[in-house]
Amino acid sequence: MLRHNVGALIYCSARKRISVSNPPGLDLENEDKHKLNIPSLPAFEMYTGLEFTKTIQYLKLKPESTFILSARYGLIRGDQVIIPYEAKITLSNYRAVVDGWVRNVNGNRGIRSFIDSKFNLLVVRLSKPYMLAMDYLVSKLGLNPCVGDRIIVYSPILGPFDECPNVELIRVRGQGDYVKRIINLQH
């Protein structure tokens, strides 16, 4: 049975509901210009990757309890309107990407909402590069990411959640393993 007050922090997906030719990348400073020419949707509806959609479906999440670490936007809430883009966080670029979010007024619009949240259960699904980016982001801003009474991290590493009480690390072996585990998650 699903318990109330469940939240998720998940990474963006390359698959988007809207596709455009020559999508923007990490040029967040040009967001206002791009929004004039590119259709947009709330992030909750824009991302269509398997892990993203299954997390929302099986946890019965709402946009305001879904947080996304987006390669373009930083930490955003599911109801933030975004444009389709093509960008990715890697082991070699995560610091530069995070620095760009921090510098730009359009970056990290969901961070305050995330930090002010208090979930009974927070499910975190971040790949290693995205977890390193989250770790760098919270350390750079001096934030505490421990916003759940129980935190389940599906990742190779705990990153910034290492010091959180009641945290559990579950190492998953790819998309199928994660989806199977999220379906069977007992709250």
N, C-alpha and C. Protein backbone atom coordinates (compact mmCIF):
# COMPACT_ATOMS: atom_id res chain seq x y z
N MET A 1 0.84 -1.19 0.00
CA MET A 1 0.00 0.00 0.00
C MET A 1 0.88 1.25 0.00
N LEU A 2 0.57 2.18 -0.84
CA LEU A 2 1.35 3.40 -0.97
C LEU A 2 1.07 4.33 0.20
N ARG A 3 2.14 4.77 0.84
CA ARG A 3 2.04 5.70 1.94
C ARG A 3 2.00 7.13 1.41
N HIS A 4 1.34 8.02 2.11
CA HIS A 4 1.28 9.42 1.70
C HIS A 4 2.64 10.08 1.84
N ASN A 5 2.78 11.18 1.16
CA ASN A 5 3.97 12.01 1.25
C ASN A 5 5.24 11.31 0.74
N VAL A 6 5.11 10.76 -0.46
CA VAL A 6 6.23 10.13 -1.14
C VAL A 6 6.76 11.10 -2.18
N GLY A 7 8.08 11.23 -2.25
CA GLY A 7 8.70 12.09 -3.25
C GLY A 7 9.79 11.34 -3.98
N ALA A 8 10.22 11.91 -5.09
CA ALA A 8 11.29 11.29 -5.86
C ALA A 8 12.24 12.35 -6.40
N LEU A 9 13.50 11.99 -6.45
CA LEU A 9 14.53 12.77 -7.13
C LEU A 9 15.09 11.85 -8.19
N ILE A 10 14.82 12.18 -9.45
CA ILE A 10 15.23 11.34 -10.56
C ILE A 10 15.94 12.19 -11.61
N TYR A 11 16.72 11.53 -12.42
CA TYR A 11 17.42 12.29 -13.45
C TYR A 11 16.58 12.35 -14.72
N CYS A 12 16.86 13.35 -15.53
CA CYS A 12 16.13 13.58 -16.76
C CYS A 12 16.33 12.42 -17.72
N SER A 13 15.53 12.40 -18.76
CA SER A 13 15.72 11.35 -19.76
C SER A 13 15.98 11.99 -21.12
N ALA A 14 16.70 11.28 -21.93
CA ALA A 14 16.99 11.76 -23.29
C ALA A 14 15.71 11.80 -24.12
N ARG A 15 14.78 10.89 -23.82
CA ARG A 15 13.51 10.84 -24.55
C ARG A 15 12.59 11.93 -24.04
N LYS A 16 12.06 12.72 -24.97
CA LYS A 16 11.17 13.82 -24.64
C LYS A 16 9.89 13.71 -25.47
N ARG A 17 8.81 14.19 -24.93
CA ARG A 17 7.51 14.15 -25.62
C ARG A 17 7.53 15.02 -26.89
N ILE A 18 8.26 16.11 -26.86
CA ILE A 18 8.37 17.02 -28.01
C ILE A 18 9.79 16.90 -28.57
N SER A 19 9.88 16.77 -29.87
CA SER A 19 11.21 16.77 -30.48
C SER A 19 11.28 17.94 -31.47
N VAL A 20 12.43 18.54 -31.52
CA VAL A 20 12.66 19.66 -32.43
C VAL A 20 13.99 19.43 -33.13
N SER A 21 14.12 20.01 -34.32
CA SER A 21 15.41 19.91 -34.99
C SER A 21 16.36 20.91 -34.34
N ASN A 22 17.58 20.54 -34.20
CA ASN A 22 18.61 21.36 -33.55
C ASN A 22 18.19 21.84 -32.16
N PRO A 23 17.91 20.90 -31.26
CA PRO A 23 17.50 21.32 -29.91
C PRO A 23 18.65 22.01 -29.18
N PRO A 24 18.32 22.93 -28.28
CA PRO A 24 19.39 23.58 -27.50
C PRO A 24 20.07 22.57 -26.59
N GLY A 25 21.22 22.96 -26.07
CA GLY A 25 21.98 22.09 -25.18
C GLY A 25 22.09 22.71 -23.80
N LEU A 26 23.30 22.99 -23.40
CA LEU A 26 23.56 23.53 -22.07
C LEU A 26 23.53 25.06 -22.02
N ASP A 27 23.09 25.69 -23.08
CA ASP A 27 23.11 27.16 -23.16
C ASP A 27 21.91 27.78 -22.43
N LEU A 28 21.86 27.58 -21.15
CA LEU A 28 20.75 28.05 -20.32
C LEU A 28 20.60 29.57 -20.36
N GLU A 29 21.69 30.26 -20.64
CA GLU A 29 21.63 31.73 -20.71
C GLU A 29 20.76 32.20 -21.88
N ASN A 30 20.47 31.32 -22.84
CA ASN A 30 19.61 31.66 -23.98
C ASN A 30 18.18 31.16 -23.82
N GLU A 31 17.80 30.78 -22.62
CA GLU A 31 16.48 30.18 -22.37
C GLU A 31 15.33 31.07 -22.85
N ASP A 32 15.36 32.34 -22.53
CA ASP A 32 14.26 33.23 -22.91
C ASP A 32 14.10 33.30 -24.43
N LYS A 33 15.19 33.33 -25.14
CA LYS A 33 15.16 33.36 -26.61
C LYS A 33 14.59 32.04 -27.15
N HIS A 34 15.05 30.91 -26.60
CA HIS A 34 14.57 29.60 -27.06
C HIS A 34 13.08 29.43 -26.80
N LYS A 35 12.59 29.93 -25.68
CA LYS A 35 11.17 29.76 -25.33
C LYS A 35 10.25 30.46 -26.33
N LEU A 36 10.75 31.44 -27.05
CA LEU A 36 9.94 32.12 -28.06
C LEU A 36 9.71 31.24 -29.28
N ASN A 37 10.62 30.32 -29.55
CA ASN A 37 10.58 29.54 -30.79
C ASN A 37 10.34 28.04 -30.61
N ILE A 38 10.40 27.56 -29.39
CA ILE A 38 10.31 26.11 -29.15
C ILE A 38 9.12 25.84 -28.21
N PRO A 39 8.28 24.87 -28.56
CA PRO A 39 7.16 24.55 -27.67
C PRO A 39 7.67 23.99 -26.33
N SER A 40 6.88 24.18 -25.29
CA SER A 40 7.30 23.75 -23.95
C SER A 40 6.19 22.95 -23.27
N LEU A 41 6.58 22.26 -22.22
CA LEU A 41 5.67 21.47 -21.38
C LEU A 41 6.23 21.45 -19.97
N PRO A 42 5.39 21.15 -18.98
CA PRO A 42 5.94 20.90 -17.64
C PRO A 42 6.88 19.69 -17.71
N ALA A 43 7.95 19.73 -16.96
CA ALA A 43 8.95 18.66 -16.96
C ALA A 43 8.31 17.30 -16.72
N PHE A 44 7.32 17.24 -15.86
CA PHE A 44 6.59 16.02 -15.52
C PHE A 44 6.02 15.34 -16.77
N GLU A 45 5.65 16.15 -17.76
CA GLU A 45 5.08 15.63 -19.00
C GLU A 45 6.12 15.52 -20.12
N MET A 46 7.19 16.30 -20.03
CA MET A 46 8.17 16.35 -21.12
C MET A 46 8.99 15.06 -21.21
N TYR A 47 9.48 14.56 -20.08
CA TYR A 47 10.36 13.40 -20.10
C TYR A 47 9.55 12.12 -20.28
N THR A 48 9.98 11.25 -21.20
CA THR A 48 9.23 10.03 -21.48
C THR A 48 10.09 8.77 -21.38
N GLY A 49 11.27 8.88 -20.79
CA GLY A 49 12.13 7.71 -20.63
C GLY A 49 11.49 6.68 -19.71
N LEU A 50 11.86 5.43 -19.88
CA LEU A 50 11.27 4.32 -19.13
C LEU A 50 11.39 4.49 -17.61
N GLU A 51 12.58 4.75 -17.12
CA GLU A 51 12.75 4.88 -15.67
C GLU A 51 11.95 6.06 -15.12
N PHE A 52 11.94 7.15 -15.86
CA PHE A 52 11.20 8.33 -15.43
C PHE A 52 9.70 8.03 -15.33
N THR A 53 9.13 7.48 -16.39
CA THR A 53 7.69 7.24 -16.40
C THR A 53 7.29 6.14 -15.41
N LYS A 54 8.09 5.10 -15.27
CA LYS A 54 7.75 4.03 -14.32
C LYS A 54 7.86 4.52 -12.87
N THR A 55 8.81 5.39 -12.58
CA THR A 55 8.92 5.95 -11.23
C THR A 55 7.65 6.72 -10.89
N ILE A 56 7.22 7.56 -11.79
CA ILE A 56 6.00 8.34 -11.57
C ILE A 56 4.78 7.42 -11.43
N GLN A 57 4.68 6.47 -12.32
CA GLN A 57 3.53 5.56 -12.33
C GLN A 57 3.45 4.73 -11.05
N TYR A 58 4.52 4.07 -10.66
CA TYR A 58 4.46 3.14 -9.54
C TYR A 58 4.48 3.82 -8.19
N LEU A 59 5.04 5.01 -8.11
CA LEU A 59 5.00 5.75 -6.84
C LEU A 59 3.79 6.68 -6.76
N LYS A 60 3.04 6.74 -7.86
CA LYS A 60 1.85 7.61 -7.93
C LYS A 60 2.20 9.05 -7.57
N LEU A 61 3.23 9.55 -8.22
CA LEU A 61 3.75 10.87 -7.92
C LEU A 61 2.95 11.98 -8.60
N LYS A 62 3.00 13.13 -8.00
CA LYS A 62 2.42 14.35 -8.55
C LYS A 62 3.60 15.26 -8.95
N PRO A 63 3.35 16.22 -9.83
CA PRO A 63 4.45 17.10 -10.26
C PRO A 63 5.17 17.79 -9.10
N GLU A 64 4.44 18.21 -8.09
CA GLU A 64 5.06 18.94 -6.99
C GLU A 64 5.87 18.06 -6.04
N SER A 65 5.75 16.74 -6.15
CA SER A 65 6.56 15.85 -5.32
C SER A 65 7.63 15.12 -6.15
N THR A 66 7.77 15.55 -7.40
CA THR A 66 8.77 14.97 -8.30
C THR A 66 9.84 16.02 -8.57
N PHE A 67 11.07 15.67 -8.27
CA PHE A 67 12.20 16.56 -8.52
C PHE A 67 13.11 15.90 -9.52
N ILE A 68 13.58 16.69 -10.46
CA ILE A 68 14.37 16.17 -11.57
C ILE A 68 15.71 16.88 -11.61
N LEU A 69 16.77 16.10 -11.70
CA LEU A 69 18.09 16.68 -11.94
C LEU A 69 18.27 16.68 -13.45
N SER A 70 18.10 17.85 -14.04
CA SER A 70 18.11 18.02 -15.48
C SER A 70 19.47 18.53 -15.93
N ALA A 71 20.00 17.93 -16.98
CA ALA A 71 21.29 18.38 -17.49
C ALA A 71 21.24 19.85 -17.92
N ARG A 72 20.13 20.30 -18.42
CA ARG A 72 20.02 21.70 -18.86
C ARG A 72 19.68 22.64 -17.70
N TYR A 73 18.75 22.25 -16.85
CA TYR A 73 18.16 23.18 -15.89
C TYR A 73 18.65 23.04 -14.45
N GLY A 74 19.31 21.97 -14.12
CA GLY A 74 19.68 21.75 -12.72
C GLY A 74 18.55 21.05 -11.99
N LEU A 75 18.40 21.36 -10.73
CA LEU A 75 17.36 20.72 -9.91
C LEU A 75 16.05 21.47 -10.11
N ILE A 76 15.08 20.79 -10.70
CA ILE A 76 13.78 21.41 -10.98
C ILE A 76 12.66 20.55 -10.41
N ARG A 77 11.51 21.17 -10.27
CA ARG A 77 10.31 20.45 -9.83
C ARG A 77 9.54 20.00 -11.06
N GLY A 78 8.76 18.97 -10.92
CA GLY A 78 8.02 18.41 -12.04
C GLY A 78 7.07 19.36 -12.73
N ASP A 79 6.62 20.38 -12.03
CA ASP A 79 5.69 21.33 -12.66
C ASP A 79 6.39 22.50 -13.34
N GLN A 80 7.72 22.53 -13.35
CA GLN A 80 8.42 23.60 -14.06
C GLN A 80 8.30 23.39 -15.56
N VAL A 81 7.93 24.43 -16.26
CA VAL A 81 7.81 24.37 -17.72
C VAL A 81 9.20 24.45 -18.34
N ILE A 82 9.46 23.50 -19.24
CA ILE A 82 10.77 23.43 -19.90
C ILE A 82 10.59 23.22 -21.40
N ILE A 83 11.65 23.46 -22.13
CA ILE A 83 11.67 23.19 -23.57
C ILE A 83 12.44 21.89 -23.79
N PRO A 84 12.22 21.22 -24.92
CA PRO A 84 13.03 20.04 -25.22
C PRO A 84 14.47 20.47 -25.50
N TYR A 85 15.40 19.64 -25.09
CA TYR A 85 16.81 19.96 -25.24
C TYR A 85 17.59 18.68 -25.40
N GLU A 86 18.84 18.81 -25.73
CA GLU A 86 19.73 17.66 -25.83
C GLU A 86 21.01 17.99 -25.07
N ALA A 87 21.11 17.46 -23.88
CA ALA A 87 22.29 17.69 -23.04
C ALA A 87 22.40 16.51 -22.08
N LYS A 88 23.59 16.32 -21.56
CA LYS A 88 23.84 15.17 -20.71
C LYS A 88 24.96 15.50 -19.72
N ILE A 89 24.84 14.95 -18.53
CA ILE A 89 25.89 15.09 -17.52
C ILE A 89 26.77 13.85 -17.60
N THR A 90 28.08 14.08 -17.64
CA THR A 90 29.04 12.98 -17.72
C THR A 90 30.03 13.09 -16.57
N LEU A 91 30.84 12.06 -16.44
CA LEU A 91 31.88 12.09 -15.40
C LEU A 91 32.88 13.20 -15.64
N SER A 92 33.04 13.61 -16.89
CA SER A 92 34.04 14.65 -17.18
C SER A 92 33.47 16.08 -17.20
N ASN A 93 32.14 16.25 -17.28
CA ASN A 93 31.61 17.61 -17.37
C ASN A 93 30.73 18.05 -16.20
N TYR A 94 30.49 17.19 -15.21
CA TYR A 94 29.49 17.51 -14.20
C TYR A 94 29.79 18.79 -13.41
N ARG A 95 31.05 19.07 -13.12
CA ARG A 95 31.37 20.30 -12.37
C ARG A 95 31.07 21.55 -13.20
N ALA A 96 31.46 21.54 -14.45
CA ALA A 96 31.18 22.69 -15.32
C ALA A 96 29.68 22.89 -15.51
N VAL A 97 28.93 21.80 -15.64
CA VAL A 97 27.48 21.89 -15.80
C VAL A 97 26.85 22.51 -14.56
N VAL A 98 27.23 22.02 -13.38
CA VAL A 98 26.69 22.56 -12.12
C VAL A 98 27.07 24.03 -11.97
N ASP A 99 28.30 24.38 -12.27
CA ASP A 99 28.72 25.79 -12.19
C ASP A 99 27.83 26.66 -13.09
N GLY A 100 27.47 26.15 -14.26
CA GLY A 100 26.58 26.88 -15.16
C GLY A 100 25.20 27.09 -14.57
N TRP A 101 24.65 26.04 -13.90
CA TRP A 101 23.34 26.19 -13.25
C TRP A 101 23.39 27.26 -12.17
N VAL A 102 24.45 27.23 -11.39
CA VAL A 102 24.58 28.15 -10.25
C VAL A 102 24.71 29.59 -10.73
N ARG A 103 25.42 29.79 -11.83
CA ARG A 103 25.63 31.15 -12.38
C ARG A 103 24.37 31.72 -13.01
N ASN A 104 23.50 30.88 -13.54
CA ASN A 104 22.39 31.35 -14.35
C ASN A 104 21.10 31.46 -13.55
N VAL A 105 20.39 32.53 -13.72
CA VAL A 105 19.13 32.76 -13.01
C VAL A 105 18.07 31.72 -13.38
N ASN A 106 18.17 31.10 -14.55
CA ASN A 106 17.21 30.08 -14.97
C ASN A 106 17.53 28.70 -14.39
N GLY A 107 18.64 28.54 -13.70
CA GLY A 107 19.04 27.24 -13.19
C GLY A 107 18.55 26.97 -11.77
N ASN A 108 18.34 25.71 -11.46
CA ASN A 108 18.01 25.24 -10.10
C ASN A 108 16.75 25.87 -9.52
N ARG A 109 15.73 26.04 -10.31
CA ARG A 109 14.51 26.68 -9.82
C ARG A 109 13.75 25.83 -8.81
N GLY A 110 14.05 24.55 -8.72
CA GLY A 110 13.35 23.70 -7.77
C GLY A 110 14.11 23.45 -6.49
N ILE A 111 15.28 24.02 -6.35
CA ILE A 111 16.12 23.68 -5.21
C ILE A 111 15.50 24.08 -3.88
N ARG A 112 14.93 25.26 -3.79
CA ARG A 112 14.33 25.70 -2.53
C ARG A 112 13.16 24.81 -2.15
N SER A 113 12.34 24.46 -3.14
CA SER A 113 11.20 23.58 -2.90
C SER A 113 11.66 22.20 -2.42
N PHE A 114 12.73 21.68 -3.04
CA PHE A 114 13.27 20.39 -2.63
C PHE A 114 13.78 20.44 -1.19
N ILE A 115 14.59 21.42 -0.88
CA ILE A 115 15.19 21.53 0.45
C ILE A 115 14.12 21.75 1.52
N ASP A 116 13.04 22.44 1.18
CA ASP A 116 11.95 22.69 2.14
C ASP A 116 10.98 21.52 2.26
N SER A 117 11.14 20.49 1.44
CA SER A 117 10.24 19.33 1.47
C SER A 117 10.55 18.45 2.67
N LYS A 118 9.55 17.69 3.07
CA LYS A 118 9.73 16.66 4.08
C LYS A 118 8.86 15.49 3.68
N PHE A 119 9.51 14.44 3.20
CA PHE A 119 8.79 13.25 2.73
C PHE A 119 8.90 12.13 3.75
N ASN A 120 7.84 11.31 3.82
CA ASN A 120 7.95 10.07 4.58
C ASN A 120 8.95 9.15 3.89
N LEU A 121 8.88 9.15 2.56
CA LEU A 121 9.78 8.34 1.74
C LEU A 121 10.26 9.18 0.57
N LEU A 122 11.58 9.24 0.40
CA LEU A 122 12.18 9.87 -0.77
C LEU A 122 12.91 8.78 -1.55
N VAL A 123 12.51 8.59 -2.80
CA VAL A 123 13.17 7.65 -3.70
C VAL A 123 14.11 8.46 -4.59
N VAL A 124 15.37 8.07 -4.61
CA VAL A 124 16.38 8.77 -5.40
C VAL A 124 16.89 7.81 -6.47
N ARG A 125 16.77 8.21 -7.73
CA ARG A 125 17.32 7.42 -8.84
C ARG A 125 18.20 8.34 -9.68
N LEU A 126 19.49 8.25 -9.44
CA LEU A 126 20.47 9.04 -10.19
C LEU A 126 21.61 8.13 -10.63
N SER A 127 22.03 8.28 -11.87
CA SER A 127 23.22 7.56 -12.33
C SER A 127 24.43 8.17 -11.65
N LYS A 128 25.58 7.55 -11.78
CA LYS A 128 26.78 8.06 -11.10
C LYS A 128 27.12 9.49 -11.49
N PRO A 129 27.14 9.85 -12.79
CA PRO A 129 27.46 11.25 -13.12
C PRO A 129 26.45 12.24 -12.52
N TYR A 130 25.18 11.87 -12.53
CA TYR A 130 24.15 12.76 -11.98
C TYR A 130 24.26 12.83 -10.45
N MET A 131 24.62 11.74 -9.81
CA MET A 131 24.81 11.75 -8.36
C MET A 131 26.01 12.63 -7.99
N LEU A 132 27.08 12.54 -8.78
CA LEU A 132 28.23 13.41 -8.53
C LEU A 132 27.85 14.88 -8.73
N ALA A 133 27.02 15.16 -9.72
CA ALA A 133 26.55 16.54 -9.94
C ALA A 133 25.70 17.00 -8.75
N MET A 134 24.83 16.14 -8.25
CA MET A 134 24.00 16.50 -7.09
C MET A 134 24.88 16.74 -5.87
N ASP A 135 25.87 15.91 -5.68
CA ASP A 135 26.80 16.06 -4.55
C ASP A 135 27.54 17.40 -4.65
N TYR A 136 28.03 17.71 -5.83
CA TYR A 136 28.75 18.96 -6.04
C TYR A 136 27.80 20.16 -5.85
N LEU A 137 26.58 20.05 -6.33
CA LEU A 137 25.61 21.13 -6.20
C LEU A 137 25.29 21.43 -4.73
N VAL A 138 24.96 20.40 -3.95
CA VAL A 138 24.59 20.67 -2.55
C VAL A 138 25.80 21.12 -1.73
N SER A 139 26.99 20.62 -2.05
CA SER A 139 28.17 21.08 -1.31
C SER A 139 28.51 22.52 -1.69
N LYS A 140 28.37 22.86 -2.96
CA LYS A 140 28.64 24.22 -3.43
C LYS A 140 27.69 25.24 -2.79
N LEU A 141 26.42 24.83 -2.61
CA LEU A 141 25.41 25.73 -2.05
C LEU A 141 25.24 25.57 -0.54
N GLY A 142 25.92 24.59 0.05
CA GLY A 142 25.83 24.37 1.49
C GLY A 142 24.45 23.90 1.94
N LEU A 143 23.84 22.98 1.19
CA LEU A 143 22.49 22.52 1.47
C LEU A 143 22.47 21.11 2.05
N ASN A 144 21.42 20.80 2.77
CA ASN A 144 21.22 19.46 3.31
C ASN A 144 20.16 18.75 2.48
N PRO A 145 20.54 17.66 1.79
CA PRO A 145 19.58 16.96 0.93
C PRO A 145 18.73 15.90 1.64
N CYS A 146 18.86 15.78 2.95
CA CYS A 146 18.18 14.73 3.70
C CYS A 146 16.73 15.14 4.00
N VAL A 147 15.88 15.06 2.98
CA VAL A 147 14.51 15.55 3.09
C VAL A 147 13.48 14.43 3.25
N GLY A 148 13.93 13.25 3.64
CA GLY A 148 13.00 12.14 3.83
C GLY A 148 13.25 11.41 5.12
N ASP A 149 12.16 10.97 5.77
CA ASP A 149 12.31 10.12 6.96
C ASP A 149 13.00 8.82 6.58
N ARG A 150 12.67 8.33 5.38
CA ARG A 150 13.31 7.14 4.82
C ARG A 150 13.75 7.53 3.41
N ILE A 151 15.00 7.27 3.09
CA ILE A 151 15.53 7.60 1.77
C ILE A 151 16.09 6.32 1.16
N ILE A 152 15.58 5.98 -0.02
CA ILE A 152 16.10 4.83 -0.75
C ILE A 152 16.78 5.36 -2.00
N VAL A 153 18.08 5.09 -2.11
CA VAL A 153 18.89 5.57 -3.22
C VAL A 153 19.19 4.39 -4.15
N TYR A 154 18.75 4.53 -5.40
CA TYR A 154 19.04 3.55 -6.44
C TYR A 154 20.14 4.15 -7.31
N SER A 155 21.37 3.81 -7.01
CA SER A 155 22.52 4.41 -7.67
C SER A 155 23.76 3.60 -7.32
N PRO A 156 24.86 3.81 -8.02
CA PRO A 156 26.10 3.14 -7.63
C PRO A 156 26.71 3.73 -6.35
N ILE A 157 26.36 4.99 -6.03
CA ILE A 157 26.95 5.67 -4.87
C ILE A 157 25.88 6.47 -4.13
N LEU A 158 26.14 6.79 -2.86
CA LEU A 158 25.20 7.60 -2.08
C LEU A 158 25.36 9.09 -2.31
N GLY A 159 26.53 9.52 -2.72
CA GLY A 159 26.75 10.94 -2.97
C GLY A 159 26.40 11.78 -1.74
N PRO A 160 25.61 12.84 -1.92
CA PRO A 160 25.31 13.74 -0.82
C PRO A 160 24.37 13.13 0.23
N PHE A 161 23.82 11.97 -0.06
CA PHE A 161 22.90 11.32 0.88
C PHE A 161 23.63 10.43 1.88
N ASP A 162 24.95 10.39 1.78
CA ASP A 162 25.78 9.54 2.63
C ASP A 162 25.57 9.81 4.13
N GLU A 163 25.35 11.04 4.49
CA GLU A 163 25.19 11.41 5.90
C GLU A 163 23.74 11.42 6.37
N CYS A 164 22.81 11.08 5.51
CA CYS A 164 21.40 11.11 5.88
C CYS A 164 21.05 9.93 6.79
N PRO A 165 20.23 10.17 7.82
CA PRO A 165 19.76 9.06 8.63
C PRO A 165 18.74 8.25 7.82
N ASN A 166 18.62 7.00 8.12
CA ASN A 166 17.63 6.12 7.48
C ASN A 166 17.76 6.07 5.96
N VAL A 167 19.00 6.09 5.46
CA VAL A 167 19.22 5.98 4.03
C VAL A 167 19.62 4.55 3.70
N GLU A 168 19.16 4.09 2.56
CA GLU A 168 19.48 2.74 2.09
C GLU A 168 19.95 2.85 0.65
N LEU A 169 21.11 2.27 0.36
CA LEU A 169 21.64 2.25 -0.99
C LEU A 169 21.30 0.92 -1.64
N ILE A 170 20.68 0.99 -2.80
CA ILE A 170 20.39 -0.21 -3.58
C ILE A 170 21.07 -0.03 -4.93
N ARG A 171 22.09 -0.84 -5.15
CA ARG A 171 22.81 -0.78 -6.43
C ARG A 171 21.99 -1.56 -7.46
N VAL A 172 21.67 -0.92 -8.55
CA VAL A 172 20.88 -1.57 -9.59
C VAL A 172 21.75 -1.82 -10.81
N ARG A 173 21.39 -2.85 -11.54
CA ARG A 173 22.13 -3.22 -12.74
C ARG A 173 21.30 -2.87 -13.97
N GLY A 174 21.20 -1.60 -14.25
CA GLY A 174 20.50 -1.15 -15.45
C GLY A 174 19.03 -0.86 -15.26
N GLN A 175 18.44 -0.44 -16.36
CA GLN A 175 17.06 -0.01 -16.38
C GLN A 175 16.06 -1.07 -15.94
N GLY A 176 16.20 -2.26 -16.48
CA GLY A 176 15.26 -3.35 -16.15
C GLY A 176 15.29 -3.70 -14.67
N ASP A 177 16.48 -3.75 -14.09
CA ASP A 177 16.62 -4.06 -12.67
C ASP A 177 15.96 -2.97 -11.83
N TYR A 178 16.19 -1.72 -12.20
CA TYR A 178 15.58 -0.61 -11.45
C TYR A 178 14.06 -0.67 -11.54
N VAL A 179 13.52 -0.84 -12.74
CA VAL A 179 12.06 -0.87 -12.91
C VAL A 179 11.46 -2.01 -12.10
N LYS A 180 12.09 -3.17 -12.12
CA LYS A 180 11.59 -4.31 -11.34
C LYS A 180 11.57 -3.97 -9.85
N ARG A 181 12.61 -3.33 -9.37
CA ARG A 181 12.69 -2.98 -7.95
C ARG A 181 11.68 -1.90 -7.56
N ILE A 182 11.46 -0.92 -8.42
CA ILE A 182 10.53 0.15 -8.10
C ILE A 182 9.09 -0.38 -8.10
N ILE A 183 8.81 -1.33 -8.98
CA ILE A 183 7.47 -1.94 -9.02
C ILE A 183 7.21 -2.68 -7.70
N ASN A 184 8.24 -3.35 -7.19
CA ASN A 184 8.07 -4.16 -5.98
C ASN A 184 8.36 -3.41 -4.68
N LEU A 185 8.61 -2.11 -4.77
CA LEU A 185 8.91 -1.32 -3.57
C LEU A 185 7.72 -1.29 -2.63
N GLN A 186 7.93 -1.70 -1.42
CA GLN A 186 6.87 -1.66 -0.40
C GLN A 186 7.09 -0.41 0.44
N HIS A 187 6.05 0.35 0.59
CA HIS A 187 6.16 1.60 1.35
C HIS A 187 5.64 1.37 2.75
